[in-house]
């Protein structure tokens, strides 16, 4: 793939991970749990962290000439 295409794909991946992670995080907060924090909340947090990492990589790749 061309570097510009790779950068665009990385940006889209970051955006999707952040959006799905935020959605899962909110659902994890709203849905009641009987035995402590649920897997949905943890999955949301993990996806947000992965999205932030992909977004940071995207920003660094976009700066390169």
C-alpha atoms as a PDB file:
ATOM      1  CA  UNK A   1       0.000   0.000   0.000  1.00  0.00           C
ATOM      2  CA  UNK A   2       1.050   3.566  -0.568  1.00  0.00           C
ATOM      3  CA  UNK A   3       2.102   5.538   2.525  1.00  0.00           C
ATOM      4  CA  UNK A   4      -0.835   7.952   2.143  1.00  0.00           C
ATOM      5  CA  UNK A   5      -3.277   5.020   1.947  1.00  0.00           C
ATOM      6  CA  UNK A   6      -1.704   3.396   4.997  1.00  0.00           C
ATOM      7  CA  UNK A   7      -2.052   6.640   6.930  1.00  0.00           C
ATOM      8  CA  UNK A   8      -5.702   6.957   5.915  1.00  0.00           C
ATOM      9  CA  UNK A   9      -6.448   3.366   6.941  1.00  0.00           C
ATOM     10  CA  UNK A  10      -4.733   3.907  10.285  1.00  0.00           C
ATOM     11  CA  UNK A  11      -6.854   7.008  10.884  1.00  0.00           C
ATOM     12  CA  UNK A  12     -10.059   5.110  10.100  1.00  0.00           C
ATOM     13  CA  UNK A  13      -9.044   2.238  12.389  1.00  0.00           C
ATOM     14  CA  UNK A  14      -8.359   4.690  15.206  1.00  0.00           C
ATOM     15  CA  UNK A  15     -11.730   6.382  14.711  1.00  0.00           C
ATOM     16  CA  UNK A  16     -13.632   3.089  14.649  1.00  0.00           C
ATOM     17  CA  UNK A  17     -11.870   1.761  17.763  1.00  0.00           C
ATOM     18  CA  UNK A  18     -12.549   4.977  19.670  1.00  0.00           C
ATOM     19  CA  UNK A  19     -16.215   5.090  18.666  1.00  0.00           C
ATOM     20  CA  UNK A  20     -16.944   1.451  19.449  1.00  0.00           C
ATOM     21  CA  UNK A  21     -14.935   1.681  22.668  1.00  0.00           C
ATOM     22  CA  UNK A  22     -16.891   4.744  23.789  1.00  0.00           C
ATOM     23  CA  UNK A  23     -20.176   3.026  22.964  1.00  0.00           C
ATOM     24  CA  UNK A  24     -19.229  -0.104  24.920  1.00  0.00           C
ATOM     25  CA  UNK A  25     -18.011   2.023  27.826  1.00  0.00           C
ATOM     26  CA  UNK A  26     -21.327   3.877  28.038  1.00  0.00           C
ATOM     27  CA  UNK A  27     -23.305   0.629  27.739  1.00  0.00           C
ATOM     28  CA  UNK A  28     -21.120  -0.903  30.452  1.00  0.00           C
ATOM     29  CA  UNK A  29     -21.947   2.000  32.751  1.00  0.00           C
ATOM     30  CA  UNK A  30     -25.680   1.946  32.045  1.00  0.00           C
ATOM     31  CA  UNK A  31     -26.431  -1.793  32.114  1.00  0.00           C
ATOM     32  CA  UNK A  32     -26.702  -3.057  35.703  1.00  0.00           C
ATOM     33  CA  UNK A  33     -24.269  -5.743  36.816  1.00  0.00           C
ATOM     34  CA  UNK A  34     -24.895  -8.178  39.614  1.00  0.00           C
ATOM     35  CA  UNK A  35     -21.336  -9.280  40.323  1.00  0.00           C
ATOM     36  CA  UNK A  36     -19.121  -6.219  39.867  1.00  0.00           C
ATOM     37  CA  UNK A  37     -17.777  -4.580  36.731  1.00  0.00           C
ATOM     38  CA  UNK A  38     -18.727  -6.445  33.602  1.00  0.00           C
ATOM     39  CA  UNK A  39     -16.758  -7.495  30.582  1.00  0.00           C
ATOM     40  CA  UNK A  40     -18.469  -4.865  28.428  1.00  0.00           C
ATOM     41  CA  UNK A  41     -16.975  -2.034  30.468  1.00  0.00           C
ATOM     42  CA  UNK A  42     -13.504  -3.572  30.370  1.00  0.00           C
ATOM     43  CA  UNK A  43     -13.789  -4.231  26.638  1.00  0.00           C
ATOM     44  CA  UNK A  44     -14.781  -0.596  26.115  1.00  0.00           C
ATOM     45  CA  UNK A  45     -11.767   0.631  28.056  1.00  0.00           C
ATOM     46  CA  UNK A  46      -9.425  -1.668  26.119  1.00  0.00           C
ATOM     47  CA  UNK A  47     -10.820  -0.491  22.767  1.00  0.00           C
ATOM     48  CA  UNK A  48     -10.456   3.147  23.807  1.00  0.00           C
ATOM     49  CA  UNK A  49      -6.820   2.583  24.762  1.00  0.00           C
ATOM     50  CA  UNK A  50      -6.148   0.779  21.467  1.00  0.00           C
ATOM     51  CA  UNK A  51      -7.880   3.586  19.585  1.00  0.00           C
ATOM     52  CA  UNK A  52      -5.739   6.179  21.341  1.00  0.00           C
ATOM     53  CA  UNK A  53      -2.599   4.245  20.444  1.00  0.00           C
ATOM     54  CA  UNK A  54      -3.676   3.946  16.802  1.00  0.00           C
ATOM     55  CA  UNK A  55      -4.568   7.651  16.768  1.00  0.00           C
ATOM     56  CA  UNK A  56      -1.146   8.582  18.126  1.00  0.00           C
ATOM     57  CA  UNK A  57       0.515   6.435  15.460  1.00  0.00           C
ATOM     58  CA  UNK A  58      -1.700   8.071  12.825  1.00  0.00           C
ATOM     59  CA  UNK A  59      -0.709  11.563  13.973  1.00  0.00           C
ATOM     60  CA  UNK A  60       2.987  10.674  13.936  1.00  0.00           C
ATOM     61  CA  UNK A  61       2.694   9.082  10.484  1.00  0.00           C
ATOM     62  CA  UNK A  62       0.825  12.115   9.129  1.00  0.00           C
ATOM     63  CA  UNK A  63       3.593  14.474  10.250  1.00  0.00           C
ATOM     64  CA  UNK A  64       6.220  12.640   8.238  1.00  0.00           C
ATOM     65  CA  UNK A  65       6.785  14.275   4.813  1.00  0.00           C
END
